Amino acid sequence: MAVPRRKQSPSRIGMRRSGHKMQLVTVVEDKKSGELRRPHHIDLKSGTYNGRQVLDVKSDA
């Protein structure tokens, strides 16, 4: 069985764990509806993407 020759230093452990942090979710305000949405995603309230109507919006009735 493989065994490490030396104990890893705290600095190296920290370097390995540097990418484990939670990323913040990016949101932008839609220009037309004012709703918050993810960039490059469909605005679910209006059904638009990149200025074009992509989804049919259902009425609440």
PDB file of N, CA and C in Angstrom:
ATOM      1  N   MET A   1       0.839  -1.177   0.000  1.00  0.00           N
ATOM      2  CA  MET A   1       0.000   0.000   0.000  1.00  0.00           C
ATOM      3  C   MET A   1       0.889   1.248   0.000  1.00  0.00           C
ATOM      4  N   ALA A   2       0.510   2.233  -0.809  1.00  0.00           N
ATOM      5  CA  ALA A   2       1.305   3.459  -0.911  1.00  0.00           C
ATOM      6  C   ALA A   2       1.101   4.327   0.320  1.00  0.00           C
ATOM      7  N   VAL A   3       2.212   4.829   0.860  1.00  0.00           N
ATOM      8  CA  VAL A   3       2.178   5.679   2.053  1.00  0.00           C
ATOM      9  C   VAL A   3       2.959   6.946   1.744  1.00  0.00           C
ATOM     10  N   PRO A   4       2.435   8.127   2.064  1.00  0.00           N
ATOM     11  CA  PRO A   4       3.182   9.352   1.813  1.00  0.00           C
ATOM     12  C   PRO A   4       4.478   9.381   2.612  1.00  0.00           C
ATOM     13  N   ARG A   5       5.527   9.923   2.023  1.00  0.00           N
ATOM     14  CA  ARG A   5       6.818   9.978   2.719  1.00  0.00           C
ATOM     15  C   ARG A   5       6.821  11.029   3.816  1.00  0.00           C
ATOM     16  N   ARG A   6       6.110  12.148   3.579  1.00  0.00           N
ATOM     17  CA  ARG A   6       6.116  13.231   4.554  1.00  0.00           C
ATOM     18  C   ARG A   6       4.706  13.743   4.789  1.00  0.00           C
ATOM     19  N   LYS A   7       4.528  14.349   5.944  1.00  0.00           N
ATOM     20  CA  LYS A   7       3.259  14.992   6.263  1.00  0.00           C
ATOM     21  C   LYS A   7       3.116  16.232   5.379  1.00  0.00           C
ATOM     22  N   GLN A   8       1.905  16.453   4.854  1.00  0.00           N
ATOM     23  CA  GLN A   8       1.679  17.660   4.066  1.00  0.00           C
ATOM     24  C   GLN A   8       1.604  18.863   4.981  1.00  0.00           C
ATOM     25  N   SER A   9       2.237  19.949   4.574  1.00  0.00           N
ATOM     26  CA  SER A   9       2.242  21.165   5.382  1.00  0.00           C
ATOM     27  C   SER A   9       0.867  21.830   5.326  1.00  0.00           C
ATOM     28  N   PRO A  10       0.544  22.636   6.337  1.00  0.00           N
ATOM     29  CA  PRO A  10      -0.737  23.358   6.316  1.00  0.00           C
ATOM     30  C   PRO A  10      -0.881  24.255   5.086  1.00  0.00           C
ATOM     31  N   SER A  11       0.231  24.787   4.595  1.00  0.00           N
ATOM     32  CA  SER A  11       0.185  25.629   3.403  1.00  0.00           C
ATOM     33  C   SER A  11      -0.284  24.831   2.190  1.00  0.00           C
ATOM     34  N   ARG A  12       0.252  23.637   2.027  1.00  0.00           N
ATOM     35  CA  ARG A  12      -0.143  22.809   0.883  1.00  0.00           C
ATOM     36  C   ARG A  12      -1.588  22.338   1.013  1.00  0.00           C
ATOM     37  N   ILE A  13      -2.012  22.033   2.234  1.00  0.00           N
ATOM     38  CA  ILE A  13      -3.406  21.636   2.457  1.00  0.00           C
ATOM     39  C   ILE A  13      -4.331  22.787   2.070  1.00  0.00           C
ATOM     40  N   GLY A  14      -3.943  24.014   2.470  1.00  0.00           N
ATOM     41  CA  GLY A  14      -4.743  25.188   2.132  1.00  0.00           C
ATOM     42  C   GLY A  14      -4.789  25.439   0.638  1.00  0.00           C
ATOM     43  N   MET A  15      -3.662  25.203  -0.056  1.00  0.00           N
ATOM     44  CA  MET A  15      -3.632  25.381  -1.504  1.00  0.00           C
ATOM     45  C   MET A  15      -4.569  24.391  -2.191  1.00  0.00           C
ATOM     46  N   ARG A  16      -4.601  23.168  -1.698  1.00  0.00           N
ATOM     47  CA  ARG A  16      -5.481  22.165  -2.280  1.00  0.00           C
ATOM     48  C   ARG A  16      -6.938  22.530  -2.055  1.00  0.00           C
ATOM     49  N   ARG A  17      -7.244  23.076  -0.889  1.00  0.00           N
ATOM     50  CA  ARG A  17      -8.633  23.394  -0.542  1.00  0.00           C
ATOM     51  C   ARG A  17      -9.091  24.757  -1.067  1.00  0.00           C
ATOM     52  N   SER A  18      -8.214  25.486  -1.754  1.00  0.00           N
ATOM     53  CA  SER A  18      -8.562  26.844  -2.168  1.00  0.00           C
ATOM     54  C   SER A  18      -9.720  26.873  -3.158  1.00  0.00           C
ATOM     55  N   GLY A  19      -9.926  25.803  -3.891  1.00  0.00           N
ATOM     56  CA  GLY A  19     -11.018  25.768  -4.858  1.00  0.00           C
ATOM     57  C   GLY A  19     -12.305  25.192  -4.312  1.00  0.00           C
ATOM     58  N   HIS A  20     -12.356  24.892  -3.029  1.00  0.00           N
ATOM     59  CA  HIS A  20     -13.534  24.256  -2.445  1.00  0.00           C
ATOM     60  C   HIS A  20     -14.586  25.246  -1.968  1.00  0.00           C
ATOM     61  N   LYS A  21     -14.281  26.543  -2.074  1.00  0.00           N
ATOM     62  CA  LYS A  21     -15.176  27.571  -1.554  1.00  0.00           C
ATOM     63  C   LYS A  21     -16.460  27.633  -2.370  1.00  0.00           C
ATOM     64  N   MET A  22     -17.573  27.974  -1.715  1.00  0.00           N
ATOM     65  CA  MET A  22     -18.852  28.121  -2.395  1.00  0.00           C
ATOM     66  C   MET A  22     -18.802  29.374  -3.269  1.00  0.00           C
ATOM     67  N   GLN A  23     -19.318  29.251  -4.474  1.00  0.00           N
ATOM     68  CA  GLN A  23     -19.348  30.375  -5.393  1.00  0.00           C
ATOM     69  C   GLN A  23     -20.635  31.175  -5.202  1.00  0.00           C
ATOM     70  N   LEU A  24     -20.552  32.489  -5.344  1.00  0.00           N
ATOM     71  CA  LEU A  24     -21.739  33.319  -5.274  1.00  0.00           C
ATOM     72  C   LEU A  24     -22.515  33.199  -6.578  1.00  0.00           C
ATOM     73  N   VAL A  25     -23.832  33.177  -6.471  1.00  0.00           N
ATOM     74  CA  VAL A  25     -24.683  33.075  -7.643  1.00  0.00           C
ATOM     75  C   VAL A  25     -24.834  34.468  -8.248  1.00  0.00           C
ATOM     76  N   THR A  26     -24.565  34.581  -9.545  1.00  0.00           N
ATOM     77  CA  THR A  26     -24.679  35.851 -10.237  1.00  0.00           C
ATOM     78  C   THR A  26     -26.110  36.042 -10.721  1.00  0.00           C
ATOM     79  N   VAL A  27     -26.690  37.185 -10.418  1.00  0.00           N
ATOM     80  CA  VAL A  27     -28.022  37.520 -10.916  1.00  0.00           C
ATOM     81  C   VAL A  27     -27.965  38.909 -11.535  1.00  0.00           C
ATOM     82  N   VAL A  28     -28.768  39.118 -12.564  1.00  0.00           N
ATOM     83  CA  VAL A  28     -28.884  40.419 -13.209  1.00  0.00           C
ATOM     84  C   VAL A  28     -30.349  40.805 -13.248  1.00  0.00           C
ATOM     85  N   GLU A  29     -30.611  42.094 -13.317  1.00  0.00           N
ATOM     86  CA  GLU A  29     -31.988  42.576 -13.405  1.00  0.00           C
ATOM     87  C   GLU A  29     -32.377  42.628 -14.872  1.00  0.00           C
ATOM     88  N   ASP A  30     -33.529  42.037 -15.197  1.00  0.00           N
ATOM     89  CA  ASP A  30     -34.009  42.037 -16.566  1.00  0.00           C
ATOM     90  C   ASP A  30     -34.382  43.463 -16.969  1.00  0.00           C
ATOM     91  N   LYS A  31     -34.023  43.870 -18.192  1.00  0.00           N
ATOM     92  CA  LYS A  31     -34.243  45.245 -18.622  1.00  0.00           C
ATOM     93  C   LYS A  31     -35.728  45.571 -18.773  1.00  0.00           C
ATOM     94  N   LYS A  32     -36.505  44.628 -19.291  1.00  0.00           N
ATOM     95  CA  LYS A  32     -37.917  44.926 -19.547  1.00  0.00           C
ATOM     96  C   LYS A  32     -38.798  44.687 -18.333  1.00  0.00           C
ATOM     97  N   SER A  33     -38.690  43.499 -17.719  1.00  0.00           N
ATOM     98  CA  SER A  33     -39.608  43.167 -16.626  1.00  0.00           C
ATOM     99  C   SER A  33     -39.098  43.599 -15.257  1.00  0.00           C
ATOM    100  N   GLY A  34     -37.788  43.826 -15.118  1.00  0.00           N
ATOM    101  CA  GLY A  34     -37.244  44.219 -13.825  1.00  0.00           C
ATOM    102  C   GLY A  34     -37.029  43.062 -12.868  1.00  0.00           C
ATOM    103  N   GLU A  35     -37.305  41.833 -13.317  1.00  0.00           N
ATOM    104  CA  GLU A  35     -37.134  40.640 -12.483  1.00  0.00           C
ATOM    105  C   GLU A  35     -35.660  40.256 -12.426  1.00  0.00           C
ATOM    106  N   LEU A  36     -35.264  39.631 -11.317  1.00  0.00           N
ATOM    107  CA  LEU A  36     -33.907  39.107 -11.216  1.00  0.00           C
ATOM    108  C   LEU A  36     -33.845  37.746 -11.884  1.00  0.00           C
ATOM    109  N   ARG A  37     -32.786  37.528 -12.664  1.00  0.00           N
ATOM    110  CA  ARG A  37     -32.612  36.248 -13.350  1.00  0.00           C
ATOM    111  C   ARG A  37     -31.122  35.978 -13.492  1.00  0.00           C
ATOM    112  N   ARG A  38     -30.787  34.722 -13.784  1.00  0.00           N
ATOM    113  CA  ARG A  38     -29.397  34.345 -14.035  1.00  0.00           C
ATOM    114  C   ARG A  38     -28.988  34.842 -15.417  1.00  0.00           C
ATOM    115  N   PRO A  39     -27.731  35.226 -15.604  1.00  0.00           N
ATOM    116  CA  PRO A  39     -27.296  35.639 -16.939  1.00  0.00           C
ATOM    117  C   PRO A  39     -27.370  34.463 -17.916  1.00  0.00           C
ATOM    118  N   HIS A  40     -27.732  34.743 -19.143  1.00  0.00           N
ATOM    119  CA  HIS A  40     -27.842  33.744 -20.217  1.00  0.00           C
ATOM    120  C   HIS A  40     -28.897  32.691 -19.920  1.00  0.00           C
ATOM    121  N   HIS A  41     -29.935  33.053 -19.167  1.00  0.00           N
ATOM    122  CA  HIS A  41     -31.054  32.163 -18.888  1.00  0.00           C
ATOM    123  C   HIS A  41     -32.351  32.841 -19.305  1.00  0.00           C
ATOM    124  N   ILE A  42     -33.379  32.048 -19.516  1.00  0.00           N
ATOM    125  CA  ILE A  42     -34.684  32.570 -19.902  1.00  0.00           C
ATOM    126  C   ILE A  42     -35.320  33.275 -18.716  1.00  0.00           C
ATOM    127  N   ASP A  43     -35.947  34.434 -18.965  1.00  0.00           N
ATOM    128  CA  ASP A  43     -36.732  35.102 -17.941  1.00  0.00           C
ATOM    129  C   ASP A  43     -38.073  34.377 -17.877  1.00  0.00           C
ATOM    130  N   LEU A  44     -38.325  33.646 -16.786  1.00  0.00           N
ATOM    131  CA  LEU A  44     -39.511  32.800 -16.703  1.00  0.00           C
ATOM    132  C   LEU A  44     -40.795  33.596 -16.561  1.00  0.00           C
ATOM    133  N   LYS A  45     -40.728  34.816 -16.061  1.00  0.00           N
ATOM    134  CA  LYS A  45     -41.944  35.614 -15.899  1.00  0.00           C
ATOM    135  C   LYS A  45     -42.474  36.082 -17.250  1.00  0.00           C
ATOM    136  N   SER A  46     -41.579  36.558 -18.115  1.00  0.00           N
ATOM    137  CA  SER A  46     -42.023  37.055 -19.420  1.00  0.00           C
ATOM    138  C   SER A  46     -41.800  36.047 -20.547  1.00  0.00           C
ATOM    139  N   GLY A  47     -40.951  35.046 -20.326  1.00  0.00           N
ATOM    140  CA  GLY A  47     -40.687  34.034 -21.347  1.00  0.00           C
ATOM    141  C   GLY A  47     -39.773  34.509 -22.457  1.00  0.00           C
ATOM    142  N   THR A  48     -38.944  35.506 -22.173  1.00  0.00           N
ATOM    143  CA  THR A  48     -38.060  36.032 -23.205  1.00  0.00           C
ATOM    144  C   THR A  48     -36.617  35.632 -22.942  1.00  0.00           C
ATOM    145  N   TYR A  49     -35.853  35.572 -24.028  1.00  0.00           N
ATOM    146  CA  TYR A  49     -34.415  35.342 -23.942  1.00  0.00           C
ATOM    147  C   TYR A  49     -33.760  36.151 -25.037  1.00  0.00           C
ATOM    148  N   ASN A  50     -32.815  36.991 -24.668  1.00  0.00           N
ATOM    149  CA  ASN A  50     -32.064  37.815 -25.611  1.00  0.00           C
ATOM    150  C   ASN A  50     -32.993  38.680 -26.479  1.00  0.00           C
ATOM    151  N   GLY A  51     -34.063  39.181 -25.866  1.00  0.00           N
ATOM    152  CA  GLY A  51     -34.987  40.065 -26.577  1.00  0.00           C
ATOM    153  C   GLY A  51     -36.012  39.364 -27.441  1.00  0.00           C
ATOM    154  N   ARG A  52     -36.021  38.037 -27.464  1.00  0.00           N
ATOM    155  CA  ARG A  52     -36.977  37.289 -28.283  1.00  0.00           C
ATOM    156  C   ARG A  52     -37.929  36.512 -27.381  1.00  0.00           C
ATOM    157  N   GLN A  53     -39.170  36.342 -27.815  1.00  0.00           N
ATOM    158  CA  GLN A  53     -40.154  35.550 -27.076  1.00  0.00           C
ATOM    159  C   GLN A  53     -39.868  34.079 -27.338  1.00  0.00           C
ATOM    160  N   VAL A  54     -39.538  33.333 -26.269  1.00  0.00           N
ATOM    161  CA  VAL A  54     -39.141  31.937 -26.415  1.00  0.00           C
ATOM    162  C   VAL A  54     -40.225  31.013 -25.863  1.00  0.00           C
ATOM    163  N   LEU A  55     -40.814  31.379 -24.726  1.00  0.00           N
ATOM    164  CA  LEU A  55     -41.834  30.570 -24.084  1.00  0.00           C
ATOM    165  C   LEU A  55     -43.173  31.289 -24.110  1.00  0.00           C
ATOM    166  N   ASP A  56     -44.245  30.505 -24.185  1.00  0.00           N
ATOM    167  CA  ASP A  56     -45.582  31.074 -24.048  1.00  0.00           C
ATOM    168  C   ASP A  56     -45.869  31.240 -22.565  1.00  0.00           C
ATOM    169  N   VAL A  57     -46.282  32.431 -22.153  1.00  0.00           N
ATOM    170  CA  VAL A  57     -46.562  32.714 -20.747  1.00  0.00           C
ATOM    171  C   VAL A  57     -47.980  32.278 -20.452  1.00  0.00           C
ATOM    172  N   LYS A  58     -48.141  31.443 -19.405  1.00  0.00           N
ATOM    173  CA  LYS A  58     -49.460  30.978 -19.012  1.00  0.00           C
ATOM    174  C   LYS A  58     -50.149  32.042 -18.171  1.00  0.00           C
ATOM    175  N   SER A  59     -51.452  32.179 -18.340  1.00  0.00           N
ATOM    176  CA  SER A  59     -52.195  33.130 -17.511  1.00  0.00           C
ATOM    177  C   SER A  59     -52.475  32.497 -16.153  1.00  0.00           C
ATOM    178  N   ASP A  60     -52.695  33.332 -15.134  1.00  0.00           N
ATOM    179  CA  ASP A  60     -52.934  32.852 -13.790  1.00  0.00           C
ATOM    180  C   ASP A  60     -54.341  32.282 -13.606  1.00  0.00           C
ATOM    181  N   ALA A  61     -55.221  32.512 -14.525  1.00  0.00           N
ATOM    182  CA  ALA A  61     -56.614  32.085 -14.371  1.00  0.00           C
ATOM    183  C   ALA A  61     -56.794  30.614 -14.479  1.00  0.00           C
TER     184      ALA A  61
END
